Amino acid sequence: MIAVACTNRAATPALRASLVAADGRPAAIALPGTVFYGSCGKFEFAVATFGPTSNATASQSVAFQDHGAYPEFFARNGQAKWRIVGSAPGPPGVNGCASFTQIPPGLRAVWGDCVATATTTTLAPWCATLMSESFIEARSVAVAAHGTAIVKGYALGVQCSPGTLDDVQFHYLVAGEPPEFVHLIAGATITGAVLSGGTKPLKLNALAHYLAQDTDGNIFQVVGPFTAATSLLGKFHP
């Protein structure tokens, strides 16, 4: 697995407001020029520095002094609420995300280490579609009642720009992130990747053996929500 660039996204007023809400301090504003926002597949990341609004009280303003003036790093999965992953060690009021080691390295590069103005990466249509999908590196499967199953693994991002269809790379979204669980519905379609680049159908009761024997990373595209996936599609990792 390699850590590579993801996609820079525009920090809209709504996005800024959601970060302010996640920060949780009253009378807060995301300071202009400090907000960086991007995504890797279904995962989103942001960095912002906050300050008091013009009508903040003296006691409210105190919250933005010293450590409260450091940049903060946020992450979320899909439409979940933002969570604060960490804050920079300073100095106060200075942009920079070098200390946020959990940011995918490619995003940090696109953001200019949260100092330069972020630029938008132009993606081929097929690549943009692929990057919007969900992927998992499967580690184990537990077959449940009535033909359902739970697959345990780690969420992956995908890099395909400026590559081609035969040069797609997958990478861990966040180092040290806890495992994800994909719940397969009864009758879910499962395919495994083969070295020729094709796929082969798998029965649910054969998935555990496939995961134990596969030497190509056990990478699958997840079709449907992780809580009720309808397909696991094996992906060849070149």
Protein backbone atom coordinates (compact mmCIF):
# COMPACT_ATOMS: atom_id res chain seq x y z
CA MET A 1 0.00 0.00 0.00
CA ILE A 2 1.22 3.54 -0.69
CA ALA A 3 -0.06 6.91 0.53
CA VAL A 4 -0.88 9.10 -2.45
CA ALA A 5 -2.87 12.15 -3.45
CA CYS A 6 -6.58 12.42 -2.89
CA THR A 7 -8.92 15.21 -4.06
CA ASN A 8 -8.99 18.79 -2.85
CA ARG A 9 -12.51 20.21 -2.37
CA ALA A 10 -13.95 23.69 -1.96
CA ALA A 11 -14.55 24.87 1.61
CA THR A 12 -18.09 26.18 1.22
CA PRO A 13 -19.85 28.27 3.91
CA ALA A 14 -21.79 25.15 4.92
CA LEU A 15 -18.56 23.20 5.29
CA ARG A 16 -17.05 25.95 7.42
CA ALA A 17 -20.15 26.01 9.59
CA SER A 18 -19.94 22.24 10.12
CA LEU A 19 -16.33 22.58 11.29
CA VAL A 20 -17.31 25.39 13.68
CA ALA A 21 -20.01 23.13 15.10
CA ALA A 22 -17.52 20.30 15.54
CA ASP A 23 -15.08 22.66 17.27
CA GLY A 24 -17.83 23.37 19.77
CA ARG A 25 -16.69 26.73 21.13
CA PRO A 26 -19.32 29.48 21.29
CA ALA A 27 -18.89 32.62 19.18
CA ALA A 28 -16.40 30.85 16.90
CA ILE A 29 -15.48 31.46 13.28
CA ALA A 30 -13.18 29.53 10.95
CA LEU A 31 -10.54 32.12 10.12
CA PRO A 32 -10.19 33.07 6.42
CA GLY A 33 -7.29 31.37 4.67
CA THR A 34 -6.95 28.62 7.28
CA VAL A 35 -9.51 26.07 6.05
CA PHE A 36 -8.33 23.10 3.98
CA TYR A 37 -10.77 20.40 2.90
CA GLY A 38 -10.42 17.24 0.83
CA SER A 39 -11.59 13.66 0.43
CA CYS A 40 -10.32 10.14 -0.23
CA GLY A 41 -13.22 7.96 -1.32
CA LYS A 42 -15.94 8.19 1.32
CA PHE A 43 -13.56 9.68 3.91
CA GLU A 44 -13.21 13.45 4.31
CA PHE A 45 -10.52 15.49 6.01
CA ALA A 46 -10.20 19.14 7.00
CA VAL A 47 -7.85 21.50 8.81
CA ALA A 48 -8.98 24.84 10.23
CA THR A 49 -7.94 27.51 12.72
CA PHE A 50 -10.66 29.23 14.72
CA GLY A 51 -11.05 32.65 16.27
CA PRO A 52 -13.75 34.65 18.05
CA THR A 53 -16.50 36.45 16.15
CA SER A 54 -16.70 40.23 16.37
CA ASN A 55 -19.50 40.02 18.94
CA ALA A 56 -17.79 37.47 21.21
CA THR A 57 -17.61 38.33 24.89
CA ALA A 58 -14.29 38.71 26.67
CA SER A 59 -14.67 35.33 28.36
CA GLN A 60 -15.54 33.67 25.03
CA SER A 61 -12.48 35.23 23.37
CA VAL A 62 -10.19 33.70 25.99
CA ALA A 63 -10.93 30.24 24.52
CA PHE A 64 -9.06 31.24 21.35
CA GLN A 65 -5.84 32.28 23.07
CA ASP A 66 -2.67 30.20 23.44
CA HIS A 67 -3.43 26.54 22.61
CA GLY A 68 -6.93 27.50 21.47
CA ALA A 69 -5.40 29.30 18.51
CA TYR A 70 -3.70 26.23 17.06
CA PRO A 71 -4.93 24.63 13.82
CA GLU A 72 -7.21 21.61 14.32
CA PHE A 73 -7.44 18.49 12.17
CA PHE A 74 -10.85 16.89 11.48
CA ALA A 75 -11.98 13.65 9.85
CA ARG A 76 -15.30 12.01 9.08
CA ASN A 77 -16.67 8.95 7.32
CA GLY A 78 -19.28 9.78 4.70
CA GLN A 79 -22.02 11.96 6.14
CA ALA A 80 -21.07 11.28 9.76
CA LYS A 81 -20.27 14.22 12.02
CA TRP A 82 -16.77 15.64 12.01
CA ARG A 83 -14.48 14.49 14.80
CA ILE A 84 -11.37 16.32 15.97
CA VAL A 85 -8.38 14.09 15.32
CA GLY A 86 -5.77 16.45 16.75
CA SER A 87 -4.48 19.98 17.11
CA ALA A 88 -1.12 21.35 16.03
CA PRO A 89 1.48 22.07 18.72
CA GLY A 90 1.86 25.67 17.60
CA PRO A 91 2.95 28.35 17.48
CA PRO A 92 -0.51 29.91 17.92
CA GLY A 93 -2.03 31.45 14.83
CA VAL A 94 0.43 29.85 12.41
CA ASN A 95 -0.90 27.52 9.73
CA GLY A 96 0.71 24.17 9.15
CA CYS A 97 -0.28 20.51 9.25
CA ALA A 98 3.10 18.77 9.30
CA SER A 99 2.34 17.42 12.77
CA PHE A 100 -0.91 15.81 11.58
CA THR A 101 0.64 12.52 10.53
CA GLN A 102 -2.80 10.95 9.99
CA ILE A 103 -3.52 13.18 6.99
CA PRO A 104 -3.00 11.17 3.78
CA PRO A 105 0.37 12.39 2.43
CA GLY A 106 -1.10 13.28 -0.96
CA LEU A 107 -3.65 15.63 0.61
CA ARG A 108 -0.92 17.31 2.64
CA ALA A 109 0.99 17.90 -0.61
CA VAL A 110 -2.07 19.32 -2.41
CA TRP A 111 -2.73 21.59 0.57
CA GLY A 112 0.86 22.86 0.53
CA ASP A 113 1.28 21.60 4.10
CA CYS A 114 -1.73 23.78 5.05
CA VAL A 115 0.26 26.92 4.26
CA ALA A 116 -0.01 27.37 0.50
CA THR A 117 -3.33 27.95 -1.23
CA ALA A 118 -4.91 24.61 -2.05
CA THR A 119 -5.49 23.77 -5.71
CA THR A 120 -8.02 21.48 -7.28
CA THR A 121 -6.83 18.26 -8.89
CA THR A 122 -8.36 17.61 -12.30
CA LEU A 123 -9.54 14.03 -12.60
CA ALA A 124 -10.58 11.92 -15.58
CA PRO A 125 -14.30 11.02 -15.35
CA TRP A 126 -13.58 7.31 -14.82
CA CYS A 127 -11.11 8.20 -12.07
CA ALA A 128 -13.55 10.54 -10.31
CA THR A 129 -16.16 7.77 -10.36
CA LEU A 130 -13.72 5.24 -8.95
CA MET A 131 -12.59 7.59 -6.18
CA SER A 132 -16.20 8.05 -5.09
CA GLU A 133 -16.58 4.32 -4.41
CA SER A 134 -15.85 2.49 -1.14
CA PHE A 135 -13.08 -0.08 -0.80
CA ILE A 136 -11.93 -2.38 1.97
CA GLU A 137 -8.91 -4.56 2.58
CA ALA A 138 -10.67 -7.61 4.02
CA ARG A 139 -9.01 -9.48 6.87
CA SER A 140 -11.69 -11.91 8.07
CA VAL A 141 -15.32 -12.93 7.63
CA ALA A 142 -17.90 -14.24 10.08
CA VAL A 143 -20.91 -15.95 8.52
CA ALA A 144 -24.08 -15.20 10.44
CA ALA A 145 -27.63 -16.53 10.34
CA HIS A 146 -29.76 -16.70 7.19
CA GLY A 147 -26.84 -16.24 4.78
CA THR A 148 -25.66 -12.88 6.08
CA ALA A 149 -22.04 -12.16 7.03
CA ILE A 150 -19.76 -9.56 8.58
CA VAL A 151 -16.45 -8.79 6.89
CA LYS A 152 -13.76 -7.12 8.98
CA GLY A 153 -11.04 -5.03 7.36
CA TYR A 154 -9.56 -1.61 6.72
CA ALA A 155 -10.99 1.15 4.56
CA LEU A 156 -8.93 2.12 1.53
CA GLY A 157 -8.60 5.11 -0.72
CA VAL A 158 -7.72 4.88 -4.39
CA GLN A 159 -5.31 6.80 -6.60
CA CYS A 160 -5.81 6.89 -10.35
CA SER A 161 -4.84 10.36 -11.54
CA PRO A 162 -2.85 10.94 -13.67
CA GLY A 163 -2.70 7.18 -14.13
CA THR A 164 -4.59 4.93 -16.48
CA LEU A 165 -7.11 2.15 -15.96
CA ASP A 166 -4.30 -0.39 -15.58
CA ASP A 167 -2.42 1.77 -13.06
CA VAL A 168 -4.74 2.07 -10.04
CA GLN A 169 -3.24 2.09 -6.56
CA PHE A 170 -4.94 1.62 -3.19
CA HIS A 171 -3.78 3.02 0.12
CA TYR A 172 -4.83 3.20 3.76
CA LEU A 173 -6.86 6.35 4.34
CA VAL A 174 -5.61 7.04 7.85
CA ALA A 175 -2.72 5.27 9.54
CA GLY A 176 -3.85 3.56 12.71
CA GLU A 177 -7.57 3.86 11.94
CA PRO A 178 -9.64 1.13 13.66
CA PRO A 179 -11.07 -1.70 11.50
CA GLU A 180 -14.28 -1.28 9.51
CA PHE A 181 -17.09 -3.86 9.42
CA VAL A 182 -19.05 -4.57 6.24
CA HIS A 183 -22.41 -6.27 6.83
CA LEU A 184 -23.37 -8.39 3.82
CA ILE A 185 -27.06 -8.96 3.20
CA ALA A 186 -28.37 -12.46 2.40
CA GLY A 187 -27.66 -13.27 -1.25
CA ALA A 188 -24.91 -10.66 -1.60
CA THR A 189 -22.73 -11.07 -4.69
CA ILE A 190 -19.05 -11.82 -4.04
CA THR A 191 -16.25 -11.95 -6.58
CA GLY A 192 -12.55 -12.51 -6.08
CA ALA A 193 -9.68 -11.10 -8.12
CA VAL A 194 -7.40 -13.38 -10.12
CA LEU A 195 -3.83 -12.73 -11.26
CA SER A 196 -4.90 -12.34 -14.88
CA GLY A 197 -6.75 -9.19 -13.88
CA GLY A 198 -10.20 -10.76 -14.08
CA THR A 199 -12.58 -11.92 -11.37
CA LYS A 200 -14.23 -15.14 -10.30
CA PRO A 201 -17.53 -15.64 -8.43
CA LEU A 202 -17.26 -16.76 -4.82
CA LYS A 203 -19.80 -18.43 -2.60
CA LEU A 204 -20.12 -17.00 0.89
CA ASN A 205 -18.85 -20.20 2.49
CA ALA A 206 -15.71 -19.99 0.30
CA LEU A 207 -14.83 -16.41 1.21
CA ALA A 208 -12.84 -17.26 4.35
CA HIS A 209 -10.63 -19.70 2.38
CA TYR A 210 -10.13 -17.09 -0.35
CA LEU A 211 -9.04 -14.46 2.20
CA ALA A 212 -6.57 -16.90 3.75
CA GLN A 213 -5.04 -17.89 0.39
CA ASP A 214 -5.12 -14.64 -1.60
CA THR A 215 -1.75 -12.93 -2.14
CA ASP A 216 -3.08 -9.83 -3.89
CA GLY A 217 -4.18 -7.79 -0.91
CA ASN A 218 -7.79 -8.96 -0.46
CA ILE A 219 -9.09 -5.66 -1.84
CA PHE A 220 -12.80 -5.36 -2.52
CA GLN A 221 -15.12 -2.64 -3.73
CA VAL A 222 -18.10 -2.40 -1.40
CA VAL A 223 -21.42 -1.88 -3.20
CA GLY A 224 -24.06 -0.37 -0.95
CA PRO A 225 -23.68 0.96 2.59
CA PHE A 226 -21.32 -0.81 4.97
CA THR A 227 -24.36 -1.61 7.12
CA ALA A 228 -26.13 -3.50 4.29
CA ALA A 229 -23.75 -4.19 1.41
CA THR A 230 -25.13 -5.97 -1.64
CA SER A 231 -21.80 -6.88 -3.27
CA LEU A 232 -18.11 -7.33 -2.63
CA LEU A 233 -16.20 -6.98 -5.90
CA GLY A 234 -12.60 -8.18 -5.84
CA LYS A 235 -10.07 -5.71 -7.25
CA PHE A 236 -6.71 -6.61 -8.77
CA HIS A 237 -3.89 -4.57 -7.20
CA PRO A 238 -1.15 -4.04 -9.83
